[in-house]
PDB file of N, CA and C in Angstrom:
ATOM      1  N   UNK A   1    -188.116-100.287 -43.790  1.00  0.00           N
ATOM      2  CA  UNK A   1    -189.425-100.617 -44.134  1.00  0.00           C
ATOM      3  C   UNK A   1    -189.476-101.603 -45.365  1.00  0.00           C
ATOM      4  N   UNK A   2    -188.664-101.717 -46.253  1.00  0.00           N
ATOM      5  CA  UNK A   2    -188.494-102.722 -47.332  1.00  0.00           C
ATOM      6  C   UNK A   2    -188.301-104.015 -46.615  1.00  0.00           C
ATOM      7  N   UNK A   3    -187.505-104.238 -45.704  1.00  0.00           N
ATOM      8  CA  UNK A   3    -187.043-105.597 -45.074  1.00  0.00           C
ATOM      9  C   UNK A   3    -188.217-106.088 -44.384  1.00  0.00           C
ATOM     10  N   UNK A   4    -189.065-105.255 -43.601  1.00  0.00           N
ATOM     11  CA  UNK A   4    -190.162-105.714 -43.132  1.00  0.00           C
ATOM     12  C   UNK A   4    -191.282-106.269 -43.978  1.00  0.00           C
ATOM     13  N   UNK A   5    -191.508-105.704 -45.119  1.00  0.00           N
ATOM     14  CA  UNK A   5    -192.198-106.070 -46.188  1.00  0.00           C
ATOM     15  C   UNK A   5    -191.737-107.679 -46.857  1.00  0.00           C
ATOM     16  N   UNK A   6    -190.528-107.567 -46.960  1.00  0.00           N
ATOM     17  CA  UNK A   6    -189.932-108.959 -47.407  1.00  0.00           C
ATOM     18  C   UNK A   6    -190.140-110.068 -46.393  1.00  0.00           C
ATOM     19  N   UNK A   7    -190.022-109.727 -45.154  1.00  0.00           N
ATOM     20  CA  UNK A   7    -190.423-110.869 -44.043  1.00  0.00           C
ATOM     21  C   UNK A   7    -191.810-111.157 -44.034  1.00  0.00           C
ATOM     22  N   UNK A   8    -192.670-110.111 -44.184  1.00  0.00           N
ATOM     23  CA  UNK A   8    -194.143-110.239 -44.244  1.00  0.00           C
ATOM     24  C   UNK A   8    -194.292-111.296 -45.388  1.00  0.00           C
ATOM     25  N   UNK A   9    -193.666-111.161 -46.497  1.00  0.00           N
ATOM     26  CA  UNK A   9    -193.953-112.001 -47.569  1.00  0.00           C
ATOM     27  C   UNK A   9    -193.455-113.309 -47.077  1.00  0.00           C
ATOM     28  N   UNK A  10    -192.297-113.512 -46.696  1.00  0.00           N
ATOM     29  CA  UNK A  10    -191.851-114.814 -46.026  1.00  0.00           C
ATOM     30  C   UNK A  10    -192.783-115.556 -45.207  1.00  0.00           C
ATOM     31  N   UNK A  11    -193.353-114.634 -44.208  1.00  0.00           N
ATOM     32  CA  UNK A  11    -194.298-115.298 -43.278  1.00  0.00           C
ATOM     33  C   UNK A  11    -195.656-115.926 -43.976  1.00  0.00           C
ATOM     34  N   UNK A  12    -196.154-115.117 -45.092  1.00  0.00           N
ATOM     35  CA  UNK A  12    -197.080-115.638 -45.772  1.00  0.00           C
ATOM     36  C   UNK A  12    -196.789-116.663 -46.569  1.00  0.00           C
ATOM     37  N   UNK A  13    -195.569-116.863 -47.114  1.00  0.00           N
ATOM     38  CA  UNK A  13    -194.987-118.015 -47.940  1.00  0.00           C
ATOM     39  C   UNK A  13    -195.322-119.174 -47.091  1.00  0.00           C
ATOM     40  N   UNK A  14    -194.703-119.089 -45.707  1.00  0.00           N
ATOM     41  CA  UNK A  14    -194.545-120.382 -44.885  1.00  0.00           C
ATOM     42  C   UNK A  14    -195.962-120.677 -44.514  1.00  0.00           C
ATOM     43  N   UNK A  15    -197.129-119.903 -44.359  1.00  0.00           N
ATOM     44  CA  UNK A  15    -198.376-120.176 -43.898  1.00  0.00           C
ATOM     45  C   UNK A  15    -198.864-120.929 -45.358  1.00  0.00           C
ATOM     46  N   UNK A  16    -198.765-120.330 -46.199  1.00  0.00           N
ATOM     47  CA  UNK A  16    -199.447-120.986 -47.587  1.00  0.00           C
ATOM     48  C   UNK A  16    -198.884-122.318 -47.748  1.00  0.00           C
ATOM     49  N   UNK A  17    -197.233-122.534 -47.676  1.00  0.00           N
ATOM     50  CA  UNK A  17    -196.933-123.598 -47.773  1.00  0.00           C
ATOM     51  C   UNK A  17    -197.356-124.870 -47.016  1.00  0.00           C
ATOM     52  N   UNK A  18    -197.348-124.424 -45.595  1.00  0.00           N
ATOM     53  CA  UNK A  18    -197.838-125.345 -44.525  1.00  0.00           C
ATOM     54  C   UNK A  18    -199.432-125.789 -44.913  1.00  0.00           C
ATOM     55  N   UNK A  19    -200.106-124.616 -45.384  1.00  0.00           N
ATOM     56  CA  UNK A  19    -201.660-125.229 -45.633  1.00  0.00           C
ATOM     57  C   UNK A  19    -201.592-125.890 -46.929  1.00  0.00           C
ATOM     58  N   UNK A  20    -200.816-125.903 -47.815  1.00  0.00           N
ATOM     59  CA  UNK A  20    -200.808-126.775 -49.130  1.00  0.00           C
ATOM     60  C   UNK A  20    -200.304-128.057 -48.783  1.00  0.00           C
ATOM     61  N   UNK A  21    -199.198-128.041 -47.912  1.00  0.00           N
ATOM     62  CA  UNK A  21    -198.730-129.560 -47.305  1.00  0.00           C
ATOM     63  C   UNK A  21    -199.825-130.199 -46.487  1.00  0.00           C
ATOM     64  N   UNK A  22    -200.738-129.313 -45.896  1.00  0.00           N
ATOM     65  CA  UNK A  22    -201.845-130.202 -44.893  1.00  0.00           C
ATOM     66  C   UNK A  22    -202.791-130.423 -45.772  1.00  0.00           C
ATOM     67  N   UNK A  23    -203.142-129.892 -46.940  1.00  0.00           N
ATOM     68  CA  UNK A  23    -204.232-130.022 -47.703  1.00  0.00           C
ATOM     69  C   UNK A  23    -203.842-131.372 -48.634  1.00  0.00           C
ATOM     70  N   UNK A  24    -202.636-131.510 -48.758  1.00  0.00           N
ATOM     71  CA  UNK A  24    -202.140-132.745 -49.612  1.00  0.00           C
ATOM     72  C   UNK A  24    -202.568-134.000 -48.909  1.00  0.00           C
ATOM     73  N   UNK A  25    -202.909-134.021 -47.490  1.00  0.00           N
ATOM     74  CA  UNK A  25    -203.273-135.132 -46.677  1.00  0.00           C
ATOM     75  C   UNK A  25    -204.953-135.407 -46.931  1.00  0.00           C
ATOM     76  N   UNK A  26    -205.401-136.542 -46.997  1.00  0.00           N
ATOM     77  CA  UNK A  26    -206.784-136.766 -47.300  1.00  0.00           C
ATOM     78  C   UNK A  26    -207.514-136.405 -46.114  1.00  0.00           C
ATOM     79  N   UNK A  27    -207.222-136.487 -44.977  1.00  0.00           N
ATOM     80  CA  UNK A  27    -208.009-136.012 -43.890  1.00  0.00           C
ATOM     81  C   UNK A  27    -208.326-134.612 -43.849  1.00  0.00           C
ATOM     82  N   UNK A  28    -207.094-133.844 -44.116  1.00  0.00           N
ATOM     83  CA  UNK A  28    -207.294-132.282 -44.074  1.00  0.00           C
ATOM     84  C   UNK A  28    -207.966-132.041 -45.204  1.00  0.00           C
ATOM     85  N   UNK A  29    -207.909-132.522 -46.407  1.00  0.00           N
ATOM     86  CA  UNK A  29    -208.539-132.177 -47.689  1.00  0.00           C
ATOM     87  C   UNK A  29    -210.260-132.398 -47.480  1.00  0.00           C
ATOM     88  N   UNK A  30    -210.661-133.663 -46.805  1.00  0.00           N
ATOM     89  CA  UNK A  30    -211.748-133.620 -46.439  1.00  0.00           C
ATOM     90  C   UNK A  30    -212.347-132.676 -45.389  1.00  0.00           C
ATOM     91  N   UNK A  31    -211.684-132.255 -44.507  1.00  0.00           N
ATOM     92  CA  UNK A  31    -212.014-131.212 -43.553  1.00  0.00           C
ATOM     93  C   UNK A  31    -212.564-130.016 -44.346  1.00  0.00           C
ATOM     94  N   UNK A  32    -211.704-129.575 -45.485  1.00  0.00           N
ATOM     95  CA  UNK A  32    -211.957-128.328 -46.177  1.00  0.00           C
ATOM     96  C   UNK A  32    -212.615-128.388 -47.256  1.00  0.00           C
ATOM     97  N   UNK A  33    -212.565-129.467 -48.150  1.00  0.00           N
ATOM     98  CA  UNK A  33    -213.175-129.572 -49.466  1.00  0.00           C
ATOM     99  C   UNK A  33    -214.562-130.569 -49.391  1.00  0.00           C
ATOM    100  N   UNK A  34    -214.568-131.396 -48.523  1.00  0.00           N
ATOM    101  CA  UNK A  34    -215.842-132.344 -48.072  1.00  0.00           C
ATOM    102  C   UNK A  34    -215.259-133.814 -48.522  1.00  0.00           C
ATOM    103  N   UNK A  35    -216.282-134.522 -48.770  1.00  0.00           N
ATOM    104  CA  UNK A  35    -216.054-135.974 -49.096  1.00  0.00           C
ATOM    105  C   UNK A  35    -215.346-136.491 -50.406  1.00  0.00           C
ATOM    106  N   UNK A  36    -215.496-135.332 -51.276  1.00  0.00           N
ATOM    107  CA  UNK A  36    -214.712-135.822 -52.611  1.00  0.00           C
ATOM    108  C   UNK A  36    -213.271-135.834 -52.469  1.00  0.00           C
ATOM    109  N   UNK A  37    -212.607-136.908 -52.794  1.00  0.00           N
ATOM    110  CA  UNK A  37    -211.248-136.941 -52.471  1.00  0.00           C
ATOM    111  C   UNK A  37    -210.532-136.112 -53.694  1.00  0.00           C
ATOM    112  N   UNK A  38    -209.181-135.782 -53.406  1.00  0.00           N
ATOM    113  CA  UNK A  38    -208.502-134.970 -54.414  1.00  0.00           C
ATOM    114  C   UNK A  38    -207.884-135.858 -55.356  1.00  0.00           C
ATOM    115  N   UNK A  39    -207.607-135.545 -56.497  1.00  0.00           N
ATOM    116  CA  UNK A  39    -206.952-136.282 -57.569  1.00  0.00           C
ATOM    117  C   UNK A  39    -205.517-136.526 -57.203  1.00  0.00           C
ATOM    118  N   UNK A  40    -204.957-137.536 -57.791  1.00  0.00           N
ATOM    119  CA  UNK A  40    -203.600-137.772 -57.351  1.00  0.00           C
ATOM    120  C   UNK A  40    -202.652-136.722 -58.023  1.00  0.00           C
ATOM    121  N   UNK A  41    -202.989-136.093 -58.976  1.00  0.00           N
ATOM    122  CA  UNK A  41    -202.369-134.988 -59.737  1.00  0.00           C
ATOM    123  C   UNK A  41    -202.382-133.615 -58.745  1.00  0.00           C
ATOM    124  N   UNK A  42    -203.632-133.350 -58.097  1.00  0.00           N
ATOM    125  CA  UNK A  42    -203.715-132.489 -57.141  1.00  0.00           C
ATOM    126  C   UNK A  42    -202.938-132.687 -55.881  1.00  0.00           C
ATOM    127  N   UNK A  43    -203.021-133.721 -55.567  1.00  0.00           N
ATOM    128  CA  UNK A  43    -202.101-133.982 -54.279  1.00  0.00           C
ATOM    129  C   UNK A  43    -200.480-133.736 -54.496  1.00  0.00           C
ATOM    130  N   UNK A  44    -200.190-134.277 -55.829  1.00  0.00           N
ATOM    131  CA  UNK A  44    -198.743-133.943 -56.103  1.00  0.00           C
ATOM    132  C   UNK A  44    -198.651-132.706 -56.246  1.00  0.00           C
ATOM    133  N   UNK A  45    -199.414-131.856 -56.744  1.00  0.00           N
ATOM    134  CA  UNK A  45    -199.308-130.209 -57.019  1.00  0.00           C
ATOM    135  C   UNK A  45    -199.149-129.588 -55.624  1.00  0.00           C
ATOM    136  N   UNK A  46    -200.262-129.936 -54.640  1.00  0.00           N
ATOM    137  CA  UNK A  46    -200.211-129.368 -53.461  1.00  0.00           C
ATOM    138  C   UNK A  46    -198.854-129.449 -52.608  1.00  0.00           C
ATOM    139  N   UNK A  47    -198.323-130.707 -52.855  1.00  0.00           N
ATOM    140  CA  UNK A  47    -196.900-131.010 -52.353  1.00  0.00           C
ATOM    141  C   UNK A  47    -195.810-130.203 -52.853  1.00  0.00           C
ATOM    142  N   UNK A  48    -195.817-130.094 -54.186  1.00  0.00           N
ATOM    143  CA  UNK A  48    -194.957-129.182 -54.936  1.00  0.00           C
ATOM    144  C   UNK A  48    -195.167-127.778 -54.546  1.00  0.00           C
ATOM    145  N   UNK A  49    -196.188-127.487 -54.539  1.00  0.00           N
ATOM    146  CA  UNK A  49    -196.487-126.132 -54.146  1.00  0.00           C
ATOM    147  C   UNK A  49    -196.157-125.474 -52.783  1.00  0.00           C
ATOM    148  N   UNK A  50    -196.255-126.465 -51.819  1.00  0.00           N
ATOM    149  CA  UNK A  50    -195.827-126.394 -50.309  1.00  0.00           C
ATOM    150  C   UNK A  50    -194.316-126.312 -50.182  1.00  0.00           C
ATOM    151  N   UNK A  51    -193.596-127.288 -51.002  1.00  0.00           N
ATOM    152  CA  UNK A  51    -192.140-127.140 -50.991  1.00  0.00           C
ATOM    153  C   UNK A  51    -191.772-125.802 -51.584  1.00  0.00           C
ATOM    154  N   UNK A  52    -192.226-125.378 -52.676  1.00  0.00           N
ATOM    155  CA  UNK A  52    -191.792-124.210 -53.373  1.00  0.00           C
ATOM    156  C   UNK A  52    -191.992-122.961 -52.535  1.00  0.00           C
ATOM    157  N   UNK A  53    -193.185-123.051 -51.844  1.00  0.00           N
ATOM    158  CA  UNK A  53    -193.348-121.873 -50.948  1.00  0.00           C
ATOM    159  C   UNK A  53    -192.449-121.906 -49.894  1.00  0.00           C
ATOM    160  N   UNK A  54    -192.116-122.925 -49.183  1.00  0.00           N
ATOM    161  CA  UNK A  54    -191.098-122.788 -48.122  1.00  0.00           C
ATOM    162  C   UNK A  54    -189.595-122.424 -48.694  1.00  0.00           C
ATOM    163  N   UNK A  55    -189.294-122.758 -49.995  1.00  0.00           N
ATOM    164  CA  UNK A  55    -188.015-122.643 -50.328  1.00  0.00           C
ATOM    165  C   UNK A  55    -188.023-121.108 -50.648  1.00  0.00           C
ATOM    166  N   UNK A  56    -189.147-120.524 -51.198  1.00  0.00           N
ATOM    167  CA  UNK A  56    -189.366-119.082 -51.491  1.00  0.00           C
ATOM    168  C   UNK A  56    -189.207-118.267 -50.230  1.00  0.00           C
ATOM    169  N   UNK A  57    -189.846-118.816 -49.288  1.00  0.00           N
ATOM    170  CA  UNK A  57    -189.588-118.009 -47.867  1.00  0.00           C
ATOM    171  C   UNK A  57    -188.283-118.006 -47.328  1.00  0.00           C
ATOM    172  N   UNK A  58    -187.555-119.048 -47.573  1.00  0.00           N
ATOM    173  CA  UNK A  58    -186.045-119.077 -47.125  1.00  0.00           C
ATOM    174  C   UNK A  58    -185.273-118.306 -47.849  1.00  0.00           C
ATOM    175  N   UNK A  59    -185.372-118.093 -49.161  1.00  0.00           N
ATOM    176  CA  UNK A  59    -184.809-117.230 -50.013  1.00  0.00           C
ATOM    177  C   UNK A  59    -185.127-115.720 -49.754  1.00  0.00           C
ATOM    178  N   UNK A  60    -186.416-115.638 -49.273  1.00  0.00           N
ATOM    179  CA  UNK A  60    -186.786-114.181 -48.763  1.00  0.00           C
ATOM    180  C   UNK A  60    -186.159-113.886 -47.501  1.00  0.00           C
ATOM    181  N   UNK A  61    -185.965-114.872 -46.729  1.00  0.00           N
ATOM    182  CA  UNK A  61    -185.136-114.472 -45.377  1.00  0.00           C
ATOM    183  C   UNK A  61    -183.953-114.216 -45.596  1.00  0.00           C
ATOM    184  N   UNK A  62    -183.103-115.122 -46.710  1.00  0.00           N
ATOM    185  CA  UNK A  62    -181.725-114.781 -46.719  1.00  0.00           C
ATOM    186  C   UNK A  62    -181.452-113.621 -47.387  1.00  0.00           C
ATOM    187  N   UNK A  63    -182.623-112.830 -48.216  1.00  0.00           N
ATOM    188  CA  UNK A  63    -182.368-111.444 -48.875  1.00  0.00           C
ATOM    189  C   UNK A  63    -182.439-110.597 -47.655  1.00  0.00           C
ATOM    190  N   UNK A  64    -182.827-110.788 -46.464  1.00  0.00           N
ATOM    191  CA  UNK A  64    -183.134-109.643 -45.530  1.00  0.00           C
ATOM    192  C   UNK A  64    -181.872-109.748 -44.669  1.00  0.00           C
ATOM    193  N   UNK A  65    -181.526-111.275 -44.207  1.00  0.00           N
ATOM    194  CA  UNK A  65    -180.492-111.286 -43.060  1.00  0.00           C
ATOM    195  C   UNK A  65    -179.443-112.064 -43.494  1.00  0.00           C
ATOM    196  N   UNK A  66    -178.187-112.243 -42.715  1.00  0.00           N
ATOM    197  CA  UNK A  66    -177.307-112.958 -43.077  1.00  0.00           C
ATOM    198  C   UNK A  66    -177.632-114.403 -42.812  1.00  0.00           C
ATOM    199  N   UNK A  67    -176.741-115.396 -43.273  1.00  0.00           N
ATOM    200  CA  UNK A  67    -177.298-116.972 -43.424  1.00  0.00           C
ATOM    201  C   UNK A  67    -177.772-117.463 -42.150  1.00  0.00           C
ATOM    202  N   UNK A  68    -176.937-117.146 -40.942  1.00  0.00           N
ATOM    203  CA  UNK A  68    -177.423-117.737 -39.627  1.00  0.00           C
ATOM    204  C   UNK A  68    -178.428-117.245 -39.086  1.00  0.00           C
ATOM    205  N   UNK A  69    -178.862-115.900 -39.109  1.00  0.00           N
ATOM    206  CA  UNK A  69    -180.109-115.229 -38.785  1.00  0.00           C
ATOM    207  C   UNK A  69    -181.346-115.647 -39.564  1.00  0.00           C
ATOM    208  N   UNK A  70    -181.030-115.601 -40.888  1.00  0.00           N
ATOM    209  CA  UNK A  70    -181.991-115.849 -41.787  1.00  0.00           C
ATOM    210  C   UNK A  70    -182.678-117.472 -41.586  1.00  0.00           C
ATOM    211  N   UNK A  71    -181.572-118.193 -41.287  1.00  0.00           N
ATOM    212  CA  UNK A  71    -182.149-119.582 -41.051  1.00  0.00           C
ATOM    213  C   UNK A  71    -182.811-119.914 -39.924  1.00  0.00           C
ATOM    214  N   UNK A  72    -182.525-119.125 -38.805  1.00  0.00           N
ATOM    215  CA  UNK A  72    -183.453-119.246 -37.481  1.00  0.00           C
ATOM    216  C   UNK A  72    -184.708-118.478 -37.782  1.00  0.00           C
ATOM    217  N   UNK A  73    -184.593-117.461 -38.559  1.00  0.00           N
ATOM    218  CA  UNK A  73    -186.111-116.842 -38.947  1.00  0.00           C
ATOM    219  C   UNK A  73    -186.941-117.739 -39.490  1.00  0.00           C
ATOM    220  N   UNK A  74    -186.306-118.393 -40.481  1.00  0.00           N
ATOM    221  CA  UNK A  74    -187.044-119.163 -41.273  1.00  0.00           C
ATOM    222  C   UNK A  74    -187.710-120.289 -40.622  1.00  0.00           C
ATOM    223  N   UNK A  75    -186.913-121.123 -39.769  1.00  0.00           N
ATOM    224  CA  UNK A  75    -187.397-122.349 -38.926  1.00  0.00           C
ATOM    225  C   UNK A  75    -188.437-121.738 -38.127  1.00  0.00           C
ATOM    226  N   UNK A  76    -188.140-120.567 -37.351  1.00  0.00           N
ATOM    227  CA  UNK A  76    -189.323-119.941 -36.518  1.00  0.00           C
ATOM    228  C   UNK A  76    -190.575-119.833 -37.260  1.00  0.00           C
ATOM    229  N   UNK A  77    -190.399-119.332 -38.396  1.00  0.00           N
ATOM    230  CA  UNK A  77    -191.713-118.902 -39.238  1.00  0.00           C
ATOM    231  C   UNK A  77    -192.301-120.323 -39.643  1.00  0.00           C
ATOM    232  N   UNK A  78    -191.418-121.314 -39.923  1.00  0.00           N
ATOM    233  CA  UNK A  78    -191.954-122.499 -40.135  1.00  0.00           C
ATOM    234  C   UNK A  78    -192.881-123.193 -38.946  1.00  0.00           C
ATOM    235  N   UNK A  79    -192.230-123.110 -37.828  1.00  0.00           N
ATOM    236  CA  UNK A  79    -193.015-123.381 -36.528  1.00  0.00           C
ATOM    237  C   UNK A  79    -194.176-122.839 -36.381  1.00  0.00           C
ATOM    238  N   UNK A  80    -194.049-121.401 -36.588  1.00  0.00           N
ATOM    239  CA  UNK A  80    -195.377-120.579 -36.466  1.00  0.00           C
ATOM    240  C   UNK A  80    -196.428-120.853 -37.514  1.00  0.00           C
ATOM    241  N   UNK A  81    -196.023-121.088 -38.532  1.00  0.00           N
ATOM    242  CA  UNK A  81    -197.065-121.595 -39.587  1.00  0.00           C
ATOM    243  C   UNK A  81    -197.437-122.804 -39.402  1.00  0.00           C
ATOM    244  N   UNK A  82    -197.055-123.740 -38.906  1.00  0.00           N
ATOM    245  CA  UNK A  82    -197.659-125.038 -38.596  1.00  0.00           C
ATOM    246  C   UNK A  82    -198.498-125.028 -37.621  1.00  0.00           C
ATOM    247  N   UNK A  83    -198.209-124.031 -36.546  1.00  0.00           N
ATOM    248  CA  UNK A  83    -199.436-123.952 -35.624  1.00  0.00           C
ATOM    249  C   UNK A  83    -200.665-122.990 -35.983  1.00  0.00           C
ATOM    250  N   UNK A  84    -200.240-122.247 -36.971  1.00  0.00           N
ATOM    251  CA  UNK A  84    -201.364-121.462 -37.493  1.00  0.00           C
ATOM    252  C   UNK A  84    -202.385-122.300 -38.326  1.00  0.00           C
ATOM    253  N   UNK A  85    -201.892-123.185 -38.904  1.00  0.00           N
ATOM    254  CA  UNK A  85    -202.436-124.066 -39.884  1.00  0.00           C
ATOM    255  C   UNK A  85    -203.233-125.197 -39.162  1.00  0.00           C
ATOM    256  N   UNK A  86    -202.654-125.630 -38.142  1.00  0.00           N
ATOM    257  CA  UNK A  86    -203.160-126.719 -37.206  1.00  0.00           C
ATOM    258  C   UNK A  86    -204.307-126.091 -36.505  1.00  0.00           C
ATOM    259  N   UNK A  87    -204.293-124.860 -35.897  1.00  0.00           N
ATOM    260  CA  UNK A  87    -205.223-124.050 -35.114  1.00  0.00           C
ATOM    261  C   UNK A  87    -206.317-123.957 -36.128  1.00  0.00           C
ATOM    262  N   UNK A  88    -206.228-123.629 -37.476  1.00  0.00           N
ATOM    263  CA  UNK A  88    -207.156-123.287 -38.360  1.00  0.00           C
ATOM    264  C   UNK A  88    -207.716-124.528 -38.695  1.00  0.00           C
ATOM    265  N   UNK A  89    -207.087-125.515 -38.884  1.00  0.00           N
ATOM    266  CA  UNK A  89    -207.796-126.814 -39.205  1.00  0.00           C
ATOM    267  C   UNK A  89    -208.965-127.523 -38.018  1.00  0.00           C
ATOM    268  N   UNK A  90    -208.016-127.140 -36.837  1.00  0.00           N
ATOM    269  CA  UNK A  90    -209.061-127.628 -35.503  1.00  0.00           C
ATOM    270  C   UNK A  90    -210.468-126.560 -35.612  1.00  0.00           C
ATOM    271  N   UNK A  91    -210.185-125.229 -35.635  1.00  0.00           N
ATOM    272  CA  UNK A  91    -211.223-124.366 -35.381  1.00  0.00           C
ATOM    273  C   UNK A  91    -212.065-124.101 -36.688  1.00  0.00           C
ATOM    274  N   UNK A  92    -211.614-123.560 -37.854  1.00  0.00           N
ATOM    275  CA  UNK A  92    -212.295-123.229 -38.899  1.00  0.00           C
ATOM    276  C   UNK A  92    -211.675-123.749 -40.166  1.00  0.00           C
ATOM    277  N   UNK A  93    -211.727-124.961 -40.276  1.00  0.00           N
ATOM    278  CA  UNK A  93    -211.042-125.425 -41.601  1.00  0.00           C
ATOM    279  C   UNK A  93    -211.433-124.887 -42.824  1.00  0.00           C
ATOM    280  N   UNK A  94    -212.456-124.583 -43.080  1.00  0.00           N
ATOM    281  CA  UNK A  94    -212.905-123.959 -44.514  1.00  0.00           C
ATOM    282  C   UNK A  94    -212.102-122.686 -44.720  1.00  0.00           C
ATOM    283  N   UNK A  95    -211.348-122.026 -43.833  1.00  0.00           N
ATOM    284  CA  UNK A  95    -210.874-120.870 -44.124  1.00  0.00           C
ATOM    285  C   UNK A  95    -209.610-121.089 -44.956  1.00  0.00           C
ATOM    286  N   UNK A  96    -209.130-122.445 -44.952  1.00  0.00           N
ATOM    287  CA  UNK A  96    -208.096-122.674 -45.895  1.00  0.00           C
ATOM    288  C   UNK A  96    -208.553-122.960 -47.370  1.00  0.00           C
ATOM    289  N   UNK A  97    -209.726-122.990 -47.545  1.00  0.00           N
ATOM    290  CA  UNK A  97    -210.310-123.195 -48.797  1.00  0.00           C
ATOM    291  C   UNK A  97    -209.840-122.367 -50.082  1.00  0.00           C
ATOM    292  N   UNK A  98    -209.626-121.188 -49.768  1.00  0.00           N
ATOM    293  CA  UNK A  98    -208.806-120.194 -50.835  1.00  0.00           C
ATOM    294  C   UNK A  98    -207.785-120.832 -51.333  1.00  0.00           C
ATOM    295  N   UNK A  99    -206.725-121.862 -50.628  1.00  0.00           N
ATOM    296  CA  UNK A  99    -205.603-122.334 -51.086  1.00  0.00           C
ATOM    297  C   UNK A  99    -205.744-123.251 -52.126  1.00  0.00           C
ATOM    298  N   UNK A 100    -206.944-123.842 -52.059  1.00  0.00           N
ATOM    299  CA  UNK A 100    -207.193-124.697 -53.280  1.00  0.00           C
ATOM    300  C   UNK A 100    -208.530-124.568 -54.016  1.00  0.00           C
ATOM    301  N   UNK A 101    -208.745-123.282 -54.051  1.00  0.00           N
ATOM    302  CA  UNK A 101    -210.010-122.908 -55.046  1.00  0.00           C
ATOM    303  C   UNK A 101    -210.152-123.297 -56.501  1.00  0.00           C
ATOM    304  N   UNK A 102    -208.744-123.738 -57.000  1.00  0.00           N
ATOM    305  CA  UNK A 102    -208.659-124.197 -58.474  1.00  0.00           C
ATOM    306  C   UNK A 102    -208.783-125.689 -58.290  1.00  0.00           C
ATOM    307  N   UNK A 103    -208.679-126.314 -57.382  1.00  0.00           N
ATOM    308  CA  UNK A 103    -208.450-127.743 -57.330  1.00  0.00           C
ATOM    309  C   UNK A 103    -209.787-128.563 -57.683  1.00  0.00           C
ATOM    310  N   UNK A 104    -209.395-129.464 -58.593  1.00  0.00           N
ATOM    311  CA  UNK A 104    -210.646-130.514 -58.985  1.00  0.00           C
ATOM    312  C   UNK A 104    -210.422-131.853 -57.845  1.00  0.00           C
ATOM    313  N   UNK A 105    -211.763-132.262 -57.898  1.00  0.00           N
ATOM    314  CA  UNK A 105    -211.809-133.380 -57.324  1.00  0.00           C
ATOM    315  C   UNK A 105    -212.181-134.821 -58.189  1.00  0.00           C
ATOM    316  N   UNK A 106    -212.009-135.808 -57.592  1.00  0.00           N
ATOM    317  CA  UNK A 106    -212.292-137.155 -58.475  1.00  0.00           C
ATOM    318  C   UNK A 106    -213.766-137.327 -58.709  1.00  0.00           C
ATOM    319  N   UNK A 107    -214.028-137.644 -60.070  1.00  0.00           N
ATOM    320  CA  UNK A 107    -215.411-137.626 -60.437  1.00  0.00           C
ATOM    321  C   UNK A 107    -215.986-139.143 -59.737  1.00  0.00           C
ATOM    322  N   UNK A 108    -217.123-138.928 -59.193  1.00  0.00           N
ATOM    323  CA  UNK A 108    -217.606-140.092 -58.326  1.00  0.00           C
ATOM    324  C   UNK A 108    -218.136-141.062 -59.211  1.00  0.00           C
TER     325      UNK A 108
END
């Protein structure tokens, strides 16, 4: 059961990471937050958060399995999270808003 919870955390980290990386792009930011663009600092932070989330997911996968299996699980989780975020941006982009609830926009 402990390993399953770690893998669920890894999956959540890959989805959050994919969401943060997607929201660092202007077009996806606009879908989720509206016409106000993100500040350059927010864009950098989103990219760093996305990369750190993916690294955390890899480390969590390595905690559960040996390196070759963990790498496979991690890559498959990345692919699945990319699909989840892509479909969410297509169907209900505002569902990604909790990922950037703290973010500021440029003053108009």
